[in-house]
Amino acid sequence: MVNIEKVSNQILNDGLYNTLLFEIKEKLSLQNITPIMIENLLRKDPSLIQEYKEINRQSELSSIQVKELTIHKIDTYKIIKIKKEINQNVQILKNLENFETDSKSSAYSIWIGSVGVMVIFMAHNVIALFSELYTSDSLLVYGLFALILFFTYIGYIKIKKNHDAQHEIFKKVYVRTQNMIEDGLKASNFTYEEVYEK
């Protein structure tokens, strides 16, 4: 849920998006480009918007560029209900934004694996320095290492399942909210300027 106008201006004017700007200039085969040219390319090539979102995610910036909708006195009950649901959904989306991508593209295995290896390394050092367990009870030591690996794997599975569950919630709420916004814009329940951040 990005405002294409805002995205095109940010790509053109914000140094954070220079890599994306160079890619767009290369695709257009031009050096001097305008926000309108970027907008048109973004509409044709959604992978560029995904790159924009990835840059935002890595920089801890939100790509949910929807404002809280103001409820007016002249709004009907139906419009008020729609606006309230959109406002709630936008907050949910902002809270779950880190789960926009599935767990396959995450580094959980590296992070959790590193923790497991570090724990084994520390246990090994403590055992080697302060005891004779390697010589007297080596099976116990290696069993401990296997237990650490087992719990590391269980931790990975739990975190991955949680991420996948949150990702599914994000996708459902995103699609529902996007459809509600599109329907509301078509029905003139609110304007583009009321919905999207500039």
C-alpha atoms as a PDB file:
ATOM      1  CA  MET A   1       0.000   0.000   0.000  1.00  0.00           C
ATOM      2  CA  VAL A   2       2.261   2.675  -1.292  1.00  0.00           C
ATOM      3  CA  ASN A   3       1.542   6.060  -2.795  1.00  0.00           C
ATOM      4  CA  ILE A   4       3.206   5.811  -6.216  1.00  0.00           C
ATOM      5  CA  GLU A   5       3.656   9.606  -6.355  1.00  0.00           C
ATOM      6  CA  LYS A   6       5.440   9.617  -2.993  1.00  0.00           C
ATOM      7  CA  VAL A   7       7.570   6.623  -4.000  1.00  0.00           C
ATOM      8  CA  SER A   8       8.640   8.221  -7.278  1.00  0.00           C
ATOM      9  CA  ASN A   9       9.610  11.468  -5.528  1.00  0.00           C
ATOM     10  CA  GLN A  10      11.525   9.601  -2.834  1.00  0.00           C
ATOM     11  CA  ILE A  11      13.404   7.528  -5.412  1.00  0.00           C
ATOM     12  CA  LEU A  12      14.331  10.680  -7.335  1.00  0.00           C
ATOM     13  CA  ASN A  13      15.242  12.889  -4.370  1.00  0.00           C
ATOM     14  CA  ASP A  14      16.275  10.670  -1.445  1.00  0.00           C
ATOM     15  CA  GLY A  15      19.805   9.249  -1.416  1.00  0.00           C
ATOM     16  CA  LEU A  16      18.555   6.128   0.381  1.00  0.00           C
ATOM     17  CA  TYR A  17      17.092   4.905  -2.919  1.00  0.00           C
ATOM     18  CA  ASN A  18      20.107   5.682  -5.173  1.00  0.00           C
ATOM     19  CA  THR A  19      20.597   2.049  -6.185  1.00  0.00           C
ATOM     20  CA  LEU A  20      16.974   1.910  -7.265  1.00  0.00           C
ATOM     21  CA  LEU A  21      17.322   5.244  -9.083  1.00  0.00           C
ATOM     22  CA  PHE A  22      20.345   3.944 -11.022  1.00  0.00           C
ATOM     23  CA  GLU A  23      18.405   0.811 -11.942  1.00  0.00           C
ATOM     24  CA  ILE A  24      15.470   2.907 -13.189  1.00  0.00           C
ATOM     25  CA  LYS A  25      17.788   5.180 -15.201  1.00  0.00           C
ATOM     26  CA  GLU A  26      19.328   2.086 -16.750  1.00  0.00           C
ATOM     27  CA  LYS A  27      15.913   0.625 -17.633  1.00  0.00           C
ATOM     28  CA  LEU A  28      14.805   3.925 -19.176  1.00  0.00           C
ATOM     29  CA  SER A  29      18.202   4.493 -20.843  1.00  0.00           C
ATOM     30  CA  LEU A  30      18.071   8.122 -19.685  1.00  0.00           C
ATOM     31  CA  GLN A  31      20.030  10.225 -17.213  1.00  0.00           C
ATOM     32  CA  ASN A  32      17.525  13.047 -16.686  1.00  0.00           C
ATOM     33  CA  ILE A  33      14.241  11.572 -15.547  1.00  0.00           C
ATOM     34  CA  THR A  34      11.114  13.019 -13.983  1.00  0.00           C
ATOM     35  CA  PRO A  35       8.838  11.670 -11.242  1.00  0.00           C
ATOM     36  CA  ILE A  36       6.173  10.977 -13.891  1.00  0.00           C
ATOM     37  CA  MET A  37       8.596   8.733 -15.812  1.00  0.00           C
ATOM     38  CA  ILE A  38       9.396   6.856 -12.600  1.00  0.00           C
ATOM     39  CA  GLU A  39       5.666   6.519 -11.776  1.00  0.00           C
ATOM     40  CA  ASN A  40       4.952   5.009 -15.183  1.00  0.00           C
ATOM     41  CA  LEU A  41       7.802   2.531 -14.836  1.00  0.00           C
ATOM     42  CA  LEU A  42       6.706   1.584 -11.298  1.00  0.00           C
ATOM     43  CA  ARG A  43       3.214   0.851 -12.585  1.00  0.00           C
ATOM     44  CA  LYS A  44       4.639  -1.360 -15.358  1.00  0.00           C
ATOM     45  CA  ASP A  45       7.253  -3.128 -13.234  1.00  0.00           C
ATOM     46  CA  PRO A  46       6.011  -4.104  -9.729  1.00  0.00           C
ATOM     47  CA  SER A  47       9.408  -5.655  -8.905  1.00  0.00           C
ATOM     48  CA  LEU A  48      10.733  -2.102  -8.484  1.00  0.00           C
ATOM     49  CA  ILE A  49       8.116  -1.440  -5.810  1.00  0.00           C
ATOM     50  CA  GLN A  50       9.207  -4.651  -4.084  1.00  0.00           C
ATOM     51  CA  GLU A  51      12.808  -3.379  -4.131  1.00  0.00           C
ATOM     52  CA  TYR A  52      11.593  -0.070  -2.665  1.00  0.00           C
ATOM     53  CA  LYS A  53       9.787  -1.964   0.104  1.00  0.00           C
ATOM     54  CA  GLU A  54      12.876  -4.080   0.790  1.00  0.00           C
ATOM     55  CA  ILE A  55      15.030  -0.949   1.135  1.00  0.00           C
ATOM     56  CA  ASN A  56      12.438   0.447   3.566  1.00  0.00           C
ATOM     57  CA  ARG A  57      12.321  -2.805   5.536  1.00  0.00           C
ATOM     58  CA  GLN A  58      16.123  -2.884   5.860  1.00  0.00           C
ATOM     59  CA  SER A  59      16.098   0.771   6.906  1.00  0.00           C
ATOM     60  CA  GLU A  60      13.216   0.167   9.346  1.00  0.00           C
ATOM     61  CA  LEU A  61      10.883   2.490   7.448  1.00  0.00           C
ATOM     62  CA  SER A  62       7.238   1.738   6.807  1.00  0.00           C
ATOM     63  CA  SER A  63       5.934   1.000   3.336  1.00  0.00           C
ATOM     64  CA  ILE A  64       2.329   1.232   4.543  1.00  0.00           C
ATOM     65  CA  GLN A  65       1.637   4.747   3.306  1.00  0.00           C
ATOM     66  CA  VAL A  66      -2.010   4.989   4.251  1.00  0.00           C
ATOM     67  CA  LYS A  67      -3.192   7.729   6.594  1.00  0.00           C
ATOM     68  CA  GLU A  68      -5.767   7.300   9.304  1.00  0.00           C
ATOM     69  CA  LEU A  69      -9.097   8.121   7.697  1.00  0.00           C
ATOM     70  CA  THR A  70     -11.025  10.944   9.317  1.00  0.00           C
ATOM     71  CA  ILE A  71     -14.656  10.293  10.106  1.00  0.00           C
ATOM     72  CA  HIS A  72     -16.859  13.227   9.103  1.00  0.00           C
ATOM     73  CA  LYS A  73     -20.302  14.147  10.416  1.00  0.00           C
ATOM     74  CA  ILE A  74     -21.800  13.699   6.956  1.00  0.00           C
ATOM     75  CA  ASP A  75     -20.526  10.100   6.614  1.00  0.00           C
ATOM     76  CA  THR A  76     -23.183   7.404   6.578  1.00  0.00           C
ATOM     77  CA  TYR A  77     -23.088   4.475   9.011  1.00  0.00           C
ATOM     78  CA  LYS A  78     -21.718   2.235   6.249  1.00  0.00           C
ATOM     79  CA  ILE A  79     -18.882   4.663   5.386  1.00  0.00           C
ATOM     80  CA  ILE A  80     -18.016   5.108   9.083  1.00  0.00           C
ATOM     81  CA  LYS A  81     -17.845   1.337   9.483  1.00  0.00           C
ATOM     82  CA  ILE A  82     -15.580   1.016   6.417  1.00  0.00           C
ATOM     83  CA  LYS A  83     -13.282   3.829   7.579  1.00  0.00           C
ATOM     84  CA  LYS A  84     -12.979   2.352  11.068  1.00  0.00           C
ATOM     85  CA  GLU A  85     -12.115  -1.068   9.675  1.00  0.00           C
ATOM     86  CA  ILE A  86      -9.531   0.414   7.295  1.00  0.00           C
ATOM     87  CA  ASN A  87      -7.973   2.358  10.196  1.00  0.00           C
ATOM     88  CA  GLN A  88      -7.797  -0.799  12.326  1.00  0.00           C
ATOM     89  CA  ASN A  89      -6.380  -2.840   9.451  1.00  0.00           C
ATOM     90  CA  VAL A  90      -3.720  -0.247   8.646  1.00  0.00           C
ATOM     91  CA  GLN A  91      -2.529  -0.397  12.252  1.00  0.00           C
ATOM     92  CA  ILE A  92      -2.428  -4.214  12.087  1.00  0.00           C
ATOM     93  CA  LEU A  93      -0.456  -4.028   8.841  1.00  0.00           C
ATOM     94  CA  LYS A  94       2.057  -1.594  10.331  1.00  0.00           C
ATOM     95  CA  ASN A  95       2.501  -3.904  13.327  1.00  0.00           C
ATOM     96  CA  LEU A  96       2.984  -6.956  11.093  1.00  0.00           C
ATOM     97  CA  GLU A  97       5.030  -5.253   8.374  1.00  0.00           C
ATOM     98  CA  ASN A  98       8.139  -7.318   9.186  1.00  0.00           C
ATOM     99  CA  PHE A  99       6.126 -10.381   8.187  1.00  0.00           C
ATOM    100  CA  GLU A 100       5.301  -9.100   4.692  1.00  0.00           C
ATOM    101  CA  THR A 101       7.738 -11.587   3.176  1.00  0.00           C
ATOM    102  CA  ASP A 102       7.574 -15.287   3.914  1.00  0.00           C
ATOM    103  CA  SER A 103      10.073 -17.052   6.154  1.00  0.00           C
ATOM    104  CA  LYS A 104      11.922 -18.595   3.185  1.00  0.00           C
ATOM    105  CA  SER A 105      13.654 -15.282   2.543  1.00  0.00           C
ATOM    106  CA  SER A 106      14.532 -14.712   6.199  1.00  0.00           C
ATOM    107  CA  ALA A 107      17.808 -15.391   7.954  1.00  0.00           C
ATOM    108  CA  TYR A 108      16.279 -17.352  10.841  1.00  0.00           C
ATOM    109  CA  SER A 109      18.303 -20.466  10.097  1.00  0.00           C
ATOM    110  CA  ILE A 110      21.538 -18.466  10.190  1.00  0.00           C
ATOM    111  CA  TRP A 111      20.644 -16.544  13.357  1.00  0.00           C
ATOM    112  CA  ILE A 112      19.379 -19.530  15.317  1.00  0.00           C
ATOM    113  CA  GLY A 113      22.105 -21.821  13.994  1.00  0.00           C
ATOM    114  CA  SER A 114      24.699 -19.291  15.114  1.00  0.00           C
ATOM    115  CA  VAL A 115      23.196 -19.218  18.597  1.00  0.00           C
ATOM    116  CA  GLY A 116      23.287 -23.036  18.758  1.00  0.00           C
ATOM    117  CA  VAL A 117      26.908 -23.178  17.634  1.00  0.00           C
ATOM    118  CA  MET A 118      27.859 -20.453  20.113  1.00  0.00           C
ATOM    119  CA  VAL A 119      26.203 -22.326  22.997  1.00  0.00           C
ATOM    120  CA  ILE A 120      28.041 -25.513  22.007  1.00  0.00           C
ATOM    121  CA  PHE A 121      31.302 -23.576  21.776  1.00  0.00           C
ATOM    122  CA  MET A 122      30.801 -22.079  25.248  1.00  0.00           C
ATOM    123  CA  ALA A 123      29.819 -25.461  26.728  1.00  0.00           C
ATOM    124  CA  HIS A 124      32.883 -27.045  25.120  1.00  0.00           C
ATOM    125  CA  ASN A 125      35.176 -24.370  26.590  1.00  0.00           C
ATOM    126  CA  VAL A 126      33.705 -24.699  30.082  1.00  0.00           C
ATOM    127  CA  ILE A 127      33.929 -28.513  29.971  1.00  0.00           C
ATOM    128  CA  ALA A 128      37.456 -28.550  28.514  1.00  0.00           C
ATOM    129  CA  LEU A 129      38.825 -25.949  30.917  1.00  0.00           C
ATOM    130  CA  PHE A 130      37.160 -26.891  34.179  1.00  0.00           C
ATOM    131  CA  SER A 131      36.556 -30.646  34.046  1.00  0.00           C
ATOM    132  CA  GLU A 132      37.806 -33.978  32.796  1.00  0.00           C
ATOM    133  CA  LEU A 133      34.484 -34.995  31.240  1.00  0.00           C
ATOM    134  CA  TYR A 134      35.979 -35.424  27.746  1.00  0.00           C
ATOM    135  CA  THR A 135      38.152 -38.249  29.071  1.00  0.00           C
ATOM    136  CA  SER A 136      35.829 -39.733  31.684  1.00  0.00           C
ATOM    137  CA  ASP A 137      32.328 -39.279  30.178  1.00  0.00           C
ATOM    138  CA  SER A 138      32.722 -38.270  26.551  1.00  0.00           C
ATOM    139  CA  LEU A 139      29.305 -39.718  25.613  1.00  0.00           C
ATOM    140  CA  LEU A 140      27.692 -37.397  28.152  1.00  0.00           C
ATOM    141  CA  VAL A 141      29.460 -34.380  26.617  1.00  0.00           C
ATOM    142  CA  TYR A 142      28.515 -35.308  23.056  1.00  0.00           C
ATOM    143  CA  GLY A 143      24.984 -36.086  24.212  1.00  0.00           C
ATOM    144  CA  LEU A 144      24.817 -32.575  25.672  1.00  0.00           C
ATOM    145  CA  PHE A 145      25.937 -31.150  22.323  1.00  0.00           C
ATOM    146  CA  ALA A 146      23.275 -33.213  20.530  1.00  0.00           C
ATOM    147  CA  LEU A 147      20.670 -31.953  22.997  1.00  0.00           C
ATOM    148  CA  ILE A 148      21.723 -28.363  22.322  1.00  0.00           C
ATOM    149  CA  LEU A 149      21.410 -28.979  18.558  1.00  0.00           C
ATOM    150  CA  PHE A 150      17.999 -30.572  19.066  1.00  0.00           C
ATOM    151  CA  PHE A 151      16.681 -27.571  21.025  1.00  0.00           C
ATOM    152  CA  THR A 152      18.225 -25.217  18.481  1.00  0.00           C
ATOM    153  CA  TYR A 153      16.319 -27.007  15.708  1.00  0.00           C
ATOM    154  CA  ILE A 154      13.056 -26.974  17.737  1.00  0.00           C
ATOM    155  CA  GLY A 155      13.529 -23.230  18.310  1.00  0.00           C
ATOM    156  CA  TYR A 156      14.038 -22.695  14.582  1.00  0.00           C
ATOM    157  CA  ILE A 157      10.869 -24.642  13.730  1.00  0.00           C
ATOM    158  CA  LYS A 158       8.794 -22.660  16.274  1.00  0.00           C
ATOM    159  CA  ILE A 159      10.057 -19.297  15.065  1.00  0.00           C
ATOM    160  CA  LYS A 160       9.528 -20.278  11.409  1.00  0.00           C
ATOM    161  CA  LYS A 161       5.948 -21.440  12.113  1.00  0.00           C
ATOM    162  CA  ASN A 162       5.208 -18.210  13.963  1.00  0.00           C
ATOM    163  CA  HIS A 163       6.593 -16.159  11.071  1.00  0.00           C
ATOM    164  CA  ASP A 164       4.529 -18.113   8.542  1.00  0.00           C
ATOM    165  CA  ALA A 165       1.355 -17.650  10.629  1.00  0.00           C
ATOM    166  CA  GLN A 166       1.978 -13.895  10.956  1.00  0.00           C
ATOM    167  CA  HIS A 167       2.737 -13.717   7.211  1.00  0.00           C
ATOM    168  CA  GLU A 168      -0.622 -15.314   6.390  1.00  0.00           C
ATOM    169  CA  ILE A 169      -2.433 -12.831   8.648  1.00  0.00           C
ATOM    170  CA  PHE A 170      -0.551  -9.960   6.985  1.00  0.00           C
ATOM    171  CA  LYS A 171      -1.490 -11.175   3.479  1.00  0.00           C
ATOM    172  CA  LYS A 172      -5.196 -11.556   4.320  1.00  0.00           C
ATOM    173  CA  VAL A 173      -5.456  -8.170   6.025  1.00  0.00           C
ATOM    174  CA  TYR A 174      -3.439  -6.507   3.240  1.00  0.00           C
ATOM    175  CA  VAL A 175      -5.665  -7.840   0.450  1.00  0.00           C
ATOM    176  CA  ARG A 176      -8.875  -7.026   2.336  1.00  0.00           C
ATOM    177  CA  THR A 177      -7.720  -3.498   3.160  1.00  0.00           C
ATOM    178  CA  GLN A 178      -6.465  -2.828  -0.345  1.00  0.00           C
ATOM    179  CA  ASN A 179      -9.809  -3.968  -1.798  1.00  0.00           C
ATOM    180  CA  MET A 180     -11.722  -1.816   0.702  1.00  0.00           C
ATOM    181  CA  ILE A 181      -9.638   1.233  -0.216  1.00  0.00           C
ATOM    182  CA  GLU A 182     -10.091   0.631  -3.953  1.00  0.00           C
ATOM    183  CA  ASP A 183     -13.848   0.133  -3.531  1.00  0.00           C
ATOM    184  CA  GLY A 184     -14.084   3.240  -1.322  1.00  0.00           C
ATOM    185  CA  LEU A 185     -12.206   5.336  -3.874  1.00  0.00           C
ATOM    186  CA  LYS A 186     -14.446   4.087  -6.699  1.00  0.00           C
ATOM    187  CA  ALA A 187     -17.567   4.847  -4.649  1.00  0.00           C
ATOM    188  CA  SER A 188     -16.163   8.293  -3.698  1.00  0.00           C
ATOM    189  CA  ASN A 189     -16.435   7.477   0.022  1.00  0.00           C
ATOM    190  CA  PHE A 190     -13.057   9.220   0.403  1.00  0.00           C
ATOM    191  CA  THR A 191     -10.449  10.752  -1.850  1.00  0.00           C
ATOM    192  CA  TYR A 192      -6.969   9.600  -2.807  1.00  0.00           C
ATOM    193  CA  GLU A 193      -5.506  12.523  -0.823  1.00  0.00           C
ATOM    194  CA  GLU A 194      -7.467  11.465   2.285  1.00  0.00           C
ATOM    195  CA  VAL A 195      -6.087   7.922   2.069  1.00  0.00           C
ATOM    196  CA  TYR A 196      -2.431   8.134   1.034  1.00  0.00           C
ATOM    197  CA  GLU A 197       0.452   9.951   2.683  1.00  0.00           C
ATOM    198  CA  LYS A 198       2.245  12.548   0.597  1.00  0.00           C
END
